[in-house]
Amino acid sequence: MNKKVLIITGAGLAIGLAEALIYYNLGKNEKNEKFKFQIPKGKELLKTAGIVLITSVATASLSNLIEKSLEEDSIINPSSKLVTV
């Protein structure tokens, strides 16, 4: 696994877990008058972290494939240029 995939996976895991905790707390505090930050315990925390890890790896892998595809396209056809608008 290359360094870029690990960086994207790590960043996705950190941001994704923070996002998941925000949504978890919004749901838990929906009917409460006072907001209380909570972290899920046990299996619920492991499931959440597992889902975020899987989506982070998928995002990193897809990004890597797209980047390689774009690099191969420029090698095959070096005269092709990206047009910006």
PDB file of N, CA and C in Angstrom:
ATOM      1  N   MET A   1       0.859  -1.168   0.000  1.00  0.00           N
ATOM      2  CA  MET A   1       0.000   0.000   0.000  1.00  0.00           C
ATOM      3  C   MET A   1       0.910   1.238   0.000  1.00  0.00           C
ATOM      4  N   ASN A   2       0.622   2.178  -0.901  1.00  0.00           N
ATOM      5  CA  ASN A   2       1.518   3.329  -0.967  1.00  0.00           C
ATOM      6  C   ASN A   2       1.175   4.383   0.091  1.00  0.00           C
ATOM      7  N   LYS A   3       2.085   5.332   0.231  1.00  0.00           N
ATOM      8  CA  LYS A   3       1.975   6.347   1.286  1.00  0.00           C
ATOM      9  C   LYS A   3       0.728   7.212   1.124  1.00  0.00           C
ATOM     10  N   LYS A   4       0.377   7.561  -0.124  1.00  0.00           N
ATOM     11  CA  LYS A   4      -0.803   8.406  -0.351  1.00  0.00           C
ATOM     12  C   LYS A   4      -2.078   7.727   0.129  1.00  0.00           C
ATOM     13  N   VAL A   5      -2.205   6.427  -0.138  1.00  0.00           N
ATOM     14  CA  VAL A   5      -3.388   5.686   0.292  1.00  0.00           C
ATOM     15  C   VAL A   5      -3.474   5.688   1.818  1.00  0.00           C
ATOM     16  N   LEU A   6      -2.345   5.519   2.484  1.00  0.00           N
ATOM     17  CA  LEU A   6      -2.344   5.535   3.955  1.00  0.00           C
ATOM     18  C   LEU A   6      -2.715   6.909   4.498  1.00  0.00           C
ATOM     19  N   ILE A   7      -2.221   7.969   3.852  1.00  0.00           N
ATOM     20  CA  ILE A   7      -2.544   9.332   4.301  1.00  0.00           C
ATOM     21  C   ILE A   7      -4.031   9.613   4.122  1.00  0.00           C
ATOM     22  N   ILE A   8      -4.565   9.266   2.952  1.00  0.00           N
ATOM     23  CA  ILE A   8      -5.983   9.514   2.686  1.00  0.00           C
ATOM     24  C   ILE A   8      -6.851   8.678   3.621  1.00  0.00           C
ATOM     25  N   THR A   9      -6.453   7.434   3.862  1.00  0.00           N
ATOM     26  CA  THR A   9      -7.207   6.574   4.773  1.00  0.00           C
ATOM     27  C   THR A   9      -7.196   7.145   6.188  1.00  0.00           C
ATOM     28  N   GLY A  10      -6.035   7.584   6.654  1.00  0.00           N
ATOM     29  CA  GLY A  10      -5.930   8.149   7.999  1.00  0.00           C
ATOM     30  C   GLY A  10      -6.750   9.419   8.153  1.00  0.00           C
ATOM     31  N   ALA A  11      -6.649  10.293   7.162  1.00  0.00           N
ATOM     32  CA  ALA A  11      -7.423  11.542   7.214  1.00  0.00           C
ATOM     33  C   ALA A  11      -8.917  11.240   7.151  1.00  0.00           C
ATOM     34  N   GLY A  12      -9.299  10.321   6.278  1.00  0.00           N
ATOM     35  CA  GLY A  12     -10.713   9.941   6.168  1.00  0.00           C
ATOM     36  C   GLY A  12     -11.228   9.316   7.446  1.00  0.00           C
ATOM     37  N   LEU A  13     -10.391   8.527   8.084  1.00  0.00           N
ATOM     38  CA  LEU A  13     -10.786   7.890   9.342  1.00  0.00           C
ATOM     39  C   LEU A  13     -10.990   8.937  10.438  1.00  0.00           C
ATOM     40  N   ALA A  14     -10.076   9.878  10.551  1.00  0.00           N
ATOM     41  CA  ALA A  14     -10.198  10.917  11.584  1.00  0.00           C
ATOM     42  C   ALA A  14     -11.428  11.795  11.348  1.00  0.00           C
ATOM     43  N   ILE A  15     -11.582  12.271  10.120  1.00  0.00           N
ATOM     44  CA  ILE A  15     -12.717  13.148   9.810  1.00  0.00           C
ATOM     45  C   ILE A  15     -14.030  12.368   9.851  1.00  0.00           C
ATOM     46  N   GLY A  16     -14.028  11.165   9.314  1.00  0.00           N
ATOM     47  CA  GLY A  16     -15.239  10.343   9.295  1.00  0.00           C
ATOM     48  C   GLY A  16     -15.707   9.968  10.688  1.00  0.00           C
ATOM     49  N   LEU A  17     -14.766   9.657  11.574  1.00  0.00           N
ATOM     50  CA  LEU A  17     -15.142   9.301  12.944  1.00  0.00           C
ATOM     51  C   LEU A  17     -15.694  10.525  13.681  1.00  0.00           C
ATOM     52  N   ALA A  18     -15.086  11.680  13.454  1.00  0.00           N
ATOM     53  CA  ALA A  18     -15.607  12.913  14.060  1.00  0.00           C
ATOM     54  C   ALA A  18     -17.018  13.193  13.551  1.00  0.00           C
ATOM     55  N   GLU A  19     -17.232  13.028  12.256  1.00  0.00           N
ATOM     56  CA  GLU A  19     -18.562  13.237  11.679  1.00  0.00           C
ATOM     57  C   GLU A  19     -19.574  12.245  12.251  1.00  0.00           C
ATOM     58  N   ALA A  20     -19.176  10.981  12.362  1.00  0.00           N
ATOM     59  CA  ALA A  20     -20.073   9.962  12.919  1.00  0.00           C
ATOM     60  C   ALA A  20     -20.449  10.286  14.359  1.00  0.00           C
ATOM     61  N   LEU A  21     -19.494  10.786  15.139  1.00  0.00           N
ATOM     62  CA  LEU A  21     -19.790  11.148  16.530  1.00  0.00           C
ATOM     63  C   LEU A  21     -20.736  12.348  16.611  1.00  0.00           C
ATOM     64  N   ILE A  22     -20.588  13.278  15.681  1.00  0.00           N
ATOM     65  CA  ILE A  22     -21.517  14.418  15.649  1.00  0.00           C
ATOM     66  C   ILE A  22     -22.934  13.931  15.370  1.00  0.00           C
ATOM     67  N   TYR A  23     -23.088  13.081  14.352  1.00  0.00           N
ATOM     68  CA  TYR A  23     -24.420  12.562  14.027  1.00  0.00           C
ATOM     69  C   TYR A  23     -24.978  11.716  15.163  1.00  0.00           C
ATOM     70  N   TYR A  24     -24.133  10.925  15.800  1.00  0.00           N
ATOM     71  CA  TYR A  24     -24.554  10.109  16.935  1.00  0.00           C
ATOM     72  C   TYR A  24     -25.113  11.002  18.045  1.00  0.00           C
ATOM     73  N   ASN A  25     -24.381  12.070  18.349  1.00  0.00           N
ATOM     74  CA  ASN A  25     -24.811  12.981  19.414  1.00  0.00           C
ATOM     75  C   ASN A  25     -26.038  13.783  19.037  1.00  0.00           C
ATOM     76  N   LEU A  26     -26.175  14.149  17.782  1.00  0.00           N
ATOM     77  CA  LEU A  26     -27.397  14.838  17.354  1.00  0.00           C
ATOM     78  C   LEU A  26     -28.611  13.935  17.561  1.00  0.00           C
ATOM     79  N   GLY A  27     -28.468  12.663  17.228  1.00  0.00           N
ATOM     80  CA  GLY A  27     -29.561  11.712  17.432  1.00  0.00           C
ATOM     81  C   GLY A  27     -29.855  11.463  18.896  1.00  0.00           C
ATOM     82  N   LYS A  28     -28.810  11.291  19.691  1.00  0.00           N
ATOM     83  CA  LYS A  28     -28.985  11.018  21.119  1.00  0.00           C
ATOM     84  C   LYS A  28     -29.596  12.204  21.866  1.00  0.00           C
ATOM     85  N   ASN A  29     -29.313  13.414  21.400  1.00  0.00           N
ATOM     86  CA  ASN A  29     -29.768  14.615  22.102  1.00  0.00           C
ATOM     87  C   ASN A  29     -30.994  15.258  21.466  1.00  0.00           C
ATOM     88  N   GLU A  30     -31.605  14.579  20.527  1.00  0.00           N
ATOM     89  CA  GLU A  30     -32.735  15.151  19.798  1.00  0.00           C
ATOM     90  C   GLU A  30     -33.864  15.610  20.726  1.00  0.00           C
ATOM     91  N   LYS A  31     -34.156  14.813  21.731  1.00  0.00           N
ATOM     92  CA  LYS A  31     -35.282  15.125  22.621  1.00  0.00           C
ATOM     93  C   LYS A  31     -34.834  15.751  23.943  1.00  0.00           C
ATOM     94  N   ASN A  32     -33.548  15.966  24.108  1.00  0.00           N
ATOM     95  CA  ASN A  32     -33.037  16.558  25.349  1.00  0.00           C
ATOM     96  C   ASN A  32     -33.004  18.077  25.235  1.00  0.00           C
ATOM     97  N   GLU A  33     -33.260  18.749  26.333  1.00  0.00           N
ATOM     98  CA  GLU A  33     -33.167  20.207  26.340  1.00  0.00           C
ATOM     99  C   GLU A  33     -31.716  20.658  26.396  1.00  0.00           C
ATOM    100  N   LYS A  34     -30.909  19.933  27.156  1.00  0.00           N
ATOM    101  CA  LYS A  34     -29.499  20.282  27.296  1.00  0.00           C
ATOM    102  C   LYS A  34     -28.655  19.275  26.511  1.00  0.00           C
ATOM    103  N   PHE A  35     -27.767  19.795  25.642  1.00  0.00           N
ATOM    104  CA  PHE A  35     -26.907  18.937  24.819  1.00  0.00           C
ATOM    105  C   PHE A  35     -25.812  18.332  25.685  1.00  0.00           C
ATOM    106  N   LYS A  36     -25.655  17.015  25.576  1.00  0.00           N
ATOM    107  CA  LYS A  36     -24.628  16.307  26.326  1.00  0.00           C
ATOM    108  C   LYS A  36     -23.838  15.455  25.331  1.00  0.00           C
ATOM    109  N   PHE A  37     -22.524  15.720  25.204  1.00  0.00           N
ATOM    110  CA  PHE A  37     -21.683  14.946  24.285  1.00  0.00           C
ATOM    111  C   PHE A  37     -21.434  13.558  24.854  1.00  0.00           C
ATOM    112  N   GLN A  38     -21.656  12.542  24.012  1.00  0.00           N
ATOM    113  CA  GLN A  38     -21.471  11.160  24.430  1.00  0.00           C
ATOM    114  C   GLN A  38     -20.674  10.411  23.371  1.00  0.00           C
ATOM    115  N   ILE A  39     -19.968   9.393  23.789  1.00  0.00           N
ATOM    116  CA  ILE A  39     -19.270   8.501  22.867  1.00  0.00           C
ATOM    117  C   ILE A  39     -19.920   7.132  23.017  1.00  0.00           C
ATOM    118  N   PRO A  40     -20.279   6.506  21.884  1.00  0.00           N
ATOM    119  CA  PRO A  40     -20.892   5.176  22.003  1.00  0.00           C
ATOM    120  C   PRO A  40     -19.923   4.192  22.662  1.00  0.00           C
ATOM    121  N   LYS A  41     -20.484   3.214  23.328  1.00  0.00           N
ATOM    122  CA  LYS A  41     -19.661   2.247  24.061  1.00  0.00           C
ATOM    123  C   LYS A  41     -19.710   0.874  23.394  1.00  0.00           C
ATOM    124  N   GLY A  42     -18.693   0.096  23.642  1.00  0.00           N
ATOM    125  CA  GLY A  42     -18.652  -1.303  23.254  1.00  0.00           C
ATOM    126  C   GLY A  42     -18.833  -1.566  21.777  1.00  0.00           C
ATOM    127  N   LYS A  43     -19.774  -2.471  21.481  1.00  0.00           N
ATOM    128  CA  LYS A  43     -20.001  -2.909  20.106  1.00  0.00           C
ATOM    129  C   LYS A  43     -20.432  -1.773  19.188  1.00  0.00           C
ATOM    130  N   GLU A  44     -21.205  -0.837  19.721  1.00  0.00           N
ATOM    131  CA  GLU A  44     -21.672   0.279  18.899  1.00  0.00           C
ATOM    132  C   GLU A  44     -20.502   1.143  18.429  1.00  0.00           C
ATOM    133  N   LEU A  45     -19.544   1.381  19.304  1.00  0.00           N
ATOM    134  CA  LEU A  45     -18.355   2.153  18.929  1.00  0.00           C
ATOM    135  C   LEU A  45     -17.520   1.377  17.908  1.00  0.00           C
ATOM    136  N   LEU A  46     -17.366   0.083  18.115  1.00  0.00           N
ATOM    137  CA  LEU A  46     -16.596  -0.742  17.172  1.00  0.00           C
ATOM    138  C   LEU A  46     -17.266  -0.792  15.802  1.00  0.00           C
ATOM    139  N   LYS A  47     -18.589  -0.920  15.766  1.00  0.00           N
ATOM    140  CA  LYS A  47     -19.306  -0.925  14.485  1.00  0.00           C
ATOM    141  C   LYS A  47     -19.123   0.406  13.763  1.00  0.00           C
ATOM    142  N   THR A  48     -19.257   1.486  14.503  1.00  0.00           N
ATOM    143  CA  THR A  48     -19.106   2.818  13.909  1.00  0.00           C
ATOM    144  C   THR A  48     -17.696   2.997  13.353  1.00  0.00           C
ATOM    145  N   ALA A  49     -16.692   2.663  14.145  1.00  0.00           N
ATOM    146  CA  ALA A  49     -15.306   2.794  13.704  1.00  0.00           C
ATOM    147  C   ALA A  49     -15.020   1.877  12.513  1.00  0.00           C
ATOM    148  N   GLY A  50     -15.593   0.678  12.515  1.00  0.00           N
ATOM    149  CA  GLY A  50     -15.406  -0.255  11.406  1.00  0.00           C
ATOM    150  C   GLY A  50     -15.982   0.267  10.104  1.00  0.00           C
ATOM    151  N   ILE A  51     -17.182   0.818  10.179  1.00  0.00           N
ATOM    152  CA  ILE A  51     -17.824   1.380   8.982  1.00  0.00           C
ATOM    153  C   ILE A  51     -17.010   2.553   8.447  1.00  0.00           C
ATOM    154  N   VAL A  52     -16.565   3.424   9.350  1.00  0.00           N
ATOM    155  CA  VAL A  52     -15.768   4.580   8.932  1.00  0.00           C
ATOM    156  C   VAL A  52     -14.445   4.114   8.331  1.00  0.00           C
ATOM    157  N   LEU A  53     -13.815   3.104   8.912  1.00  0.00           N
ATOM    158  CA  LEU A  53     -12.555   2.572   8.371  1.00  0.00           C
ATOM    159  C   LEU A  53     -12.756   2.002   6.967  1.00  0.00           C
ATOM    160  N   ILE A  54     -13.812   1.229   6.781  1.00  0.00           N
ATOM    161  CA  ILE A  54     -14.088   0.639   5.468  1.00  0.00           C
ATOM    162  C   ILE A  54     -14.321   1.721   4.423  1.00  0.00           C
ATOM    163  N   THR A  55     -15.110   2.743   4.763  1.00  0.00           N
ATOM    164  CA  THR A  55     -15.367   3.805   3.785  1.00  0.00           C
ATOM    165  C   THR A  55     -14.107   4.642   3.537  1.00  0.00           C
ATOM    166  N   SER A  56     -13.251   4.801   4.528  1.00  0.00           N
ATOM    167  CA  SER A  56     -11.999   5.531   4.344  1.00  0.00           C
ATOM    168  C   SER A  56     -11.048   4.780   3.410  1.00  0.00           C
ATOM    169  N   VAL A  57     -10.944   3.476   3.591  1.00  0.00           N
ATOM    170  CA  VAL A  57     -10.107   2.658   2.705  1.00  0.00           C
ATOM    171  C   VAL A  57     -10.672   2.671   1.287  1.00  0.00           C
ATOM    172  N   ALA A  58     -11.990   2.586   1.168  1.00  0.00           N
ATOM    173  CA  ALA A  58     -12.617   2.624  -0.162  1.00  0.00           C
ATOM    174  C   ALA A  58     -12.357   3.961  -0.851  1.00  0.00           C
ATOM    175  N   THR A  59     -12.458   5.055  -0.104  1.00  0.00           N
ATOM    176  CA  THR A  59     -12.195   6.381  -0.665  1.00  0.00           C
ATOM    177  C   THR A  59     -10.748   6.507  -1.115  1.00  0.00           C
ATOM    178  N   ALA A  60      -9.824   6.050  -0.295  1.00  0.00           N
ATOM    179  CA  ALA A  60      -8.404   6.119  -0.638  1.00  0.00           C
ATOM    180  C   ALA A  60      -8.093   5.256  -1.861  1.00  0.00           C
ATOM    181  N   SER A  61      -8.666   4.065  -1.917  1.00  0.00           N
ATOM    182  CA  SER A  61      -8.434   3.171  -3.053  1.00  0.00           C
ATOM    183  C   SER A  61      -8.995   3.753  -4.342  1.00  0.00           C
ATOM    184  N   LEU A  62     -10.200   4.292  -4.271  1.00  0.00           N
ATOM    185  CA  LEU A  62     -10.812   4.906  -5.442  1.00  0.00           C
ATOM    186  C   LEU A  62     -10.008   6.119  -5.907  1.00  0.00           C
ATOM    187  N   SER A  63      -9.564   6.931  -4.969  1.00  0.00           N
ATOM    188  CA  SER A  63      -8.737   8.089  -5.319  1.00  0.00           C
ATOM    189  C   SER A  63      -7.453   7.654  -6.001  1.00  0.00           C
ATOM    190  N   ASN A  64      -6.843   6.593  -5.485  1.00  0.00           N
ATOM    191  CA  ASN A  64      -5.613   6.069  -6.067  1.00  0.00           C
ATOM    192  C   ASN A  64      -5.855   5.558  -7.485  1.00  0.00           C
ATOM    193  N   LEU A  65      -6.951   4.828  -7.697  1.00  0.00           N
ATOM    194  CA  LEU A  65      -7.271   4.316  -9.033  1.00  0.00           C
ATOM    195  C   LEU A  65      -7.530   5.448 -10.026  1.00  0.00           C
ATOM    196  N   ILE A  66      -8.249   6.464  -9.586  1.00  0.00           N
ATOM    197  CA  ILE A  66      -8.534   7.595 -10.464  1.00  0.00           C
ATOM    198  C   ILE A  66      -7.242   8.326 -10.820  1.00  0.00           C
ATOM    199  N   GLU A  67      -6.395   8.532  -9.822  1.00  0.00           N
ATOM    200  CA  GLU A  67      -5.125   9.218 -10.072  1.00  0.00           C
ATOM    201  C   GLU A  67      -4.264   8.430 -11.063  1.00  0.00           C
ATOM    202  N   LYS A  68      -4.174   7.125 -10.872  1.00  0.00           N
ATOM    203  CA  LYS A  68      -3.390   6.286 -11.798  1.00  0.00           C
ATOM    204  C   LYS A  68      -3.982   6.332 -13.199  1.00  0.00           C
ATOM    205  N   SER A  69      -5.294   6.295 -13.282  1.00  0.00           N
ATOM    206  CA  SER A  69      -5.963   6.349 -14.580  1.00  0.00           C
ATOM    207  C   SER A  69      -5.650   7.654 -15.297  1.00  0.00           C
ATOM    208  N   LEU A  70      -5.668   8.750 -14.570  1.00  0.00           N
ATOM    209  CA  LEU A  70      -5.354  10.052 -15.171  1.00  0.00           C
ATOM    210  C   LEU A  70      -3.887  10.127 -15.583  1.00  0.00           C
ATOM    211  N   GLU A  71      -2.997   9.543 -14.788  1.00  0.00           N
ATOM    212  CA  GLU A  71      -1.576   9.528 -15.132  1.00  0.00           C
ATOM    213  C   GLU A  71      -1.336   8.690 -16.382  1.00  0.00           C
ATOM    214  N   GLU A  72      -1.992   7.532 -16.477  1.00  0.00           N
ATOM    215  CA  GLU A  72      -1.841   6.664 -17.645  1.00  0.00           C
ATOM    216  C   GLU A  72      -2.355   7.357 -18.895  1.00  0.00           C
ATOM    217  N   ASP A  73      -3.449   8.094 -18.781  1.00  0.00           N
ATOM    218  CA  ASP A  73      -4.007   8.805 -19.919  1.00  0.00           C
ATOM    219  C   ASP A  73      -3.018   9.841 -20.438  1.00  0.00           C
ATOM    220  N   SER A  74      -2.335  10.543 -19.525  1.00  0.00           N
ATOM    221  CA  SER A  74      -1.383  11.559 -19.965  1.00  0.00           C
ATOM    222  C   SER A  74      -0.128  10.926 -20.545  1.00  0.00           C
ATOM    223  N   ILE A  75       0.238   9.710 -20.121  1.00  0.00           N
ATOM    224  CA  ILE A  75       1.391   9.018 -20.688  1.00  0.00           C
ATOM    225  C   ILE A  75       1.060   8.515 -22.092  1.00  0.00           C
ATOM    226  N   ILE A  76      -0.141   7.966 -22.260  1.00  0.00           N
ATOM    227  CA  ILE A  76      -0.557   7.446 -23.556  1.00  0.00           C
ATOM    228  C   ILE A  76      -0.698   8.577 -24.568  1.00  0.00           C
ATOM    229  N   ASN A  77      -1.269   9.691 -24.151  1.00  0.00           N
ATOM    230  CA  ASN A  77      -1.529  10.800 -25.041  1.00  0.00           C
ATOM    231  C   ASN A  77      -0.967  12.090 -24.441  1.00  0.00           C
ATOM    232  N   PRO A  78       0.382  12.280 -24.557  1.00  0.00           N
ATOM    233  CA  PRO A  78       0.985  13.429 -23.908  1.00  0.00           C
ATOM    234  C   PRO A  78       0.534  14.773 -24.472  1.00  0.00           C
ATOM    235  N   SER A  79      -0.033  14.774 -25.674  1.00  0.00           N
ATOM    236  CA  SER A  79      -0.486  16.044 -26.256  1.00  0.00           C
ATOM    237  C   SER A  79      -1.843  16.470 -25.714  1.00  0.00           C
ATOM    238  N   SER A  80      -2.549  15.548 -25.013  1.00  0.00           N
ATOM    239  CA  SER A  80      -3.848  15.915 -24.461  1.00  0.00           C
ATOM    240  C   SER A  80      -3.654  16.833 -23.262  1.00  0.00           C
ATOM    241  N   LYS A  81      -4.409  17.888 -23.226  1.00  0.00           N
ATOM    242  CA  LYS A  81      -4.309  18.857 -22.130  1.00  0.00           C
ATOM    243  C   LYS A  81      -5.679  19.016 -21.503  1.00  0.00           C
ATOM    244  N   LEU A  82      -5.670  19.255 -20.208  1.00  0.00           N
ATOM    245  CA  LEU A  82      -6.920  19.519 -19.514  1.00  0.00           C
ATOM    246  C   LEU A  82      -7.342  20.951 -19.835  1.00  0.00           C
ATOM    247  N   VAL A  83      -8.601  21.115 -20.138  1.00  0.00           N
ATOM    248  CA  VAL A  83      -9.125  22.430 -20.441  1.00  0.00           C
ATOM    249  C   VAL A  83      -9.823  22.957 -19.206  1.00  0.00           C
ATOM    250  N   THR A  84      -9.431  24.139 -18.767  1.00  0.00           N
ATOM    251  CA  THR A  84     -10.094  24.738 -17.610  1.00  0.00           C
ATOM    252  C   THR A  84     -10.971  25.872 -18.100  1.00  0.00           C
ATOM    253  N   VAL A  85     -12.088  26.005 -17.449  1.00  0.00           N
ATOM    254  CA  VAL A  85     -13.045  27.043 -17.837  1.00  0.00           C
ATOM    255  C   VAL A  85     -13.090  28.101 -16.771  1.00  0.00           C
TER     256      VAL A  85
END
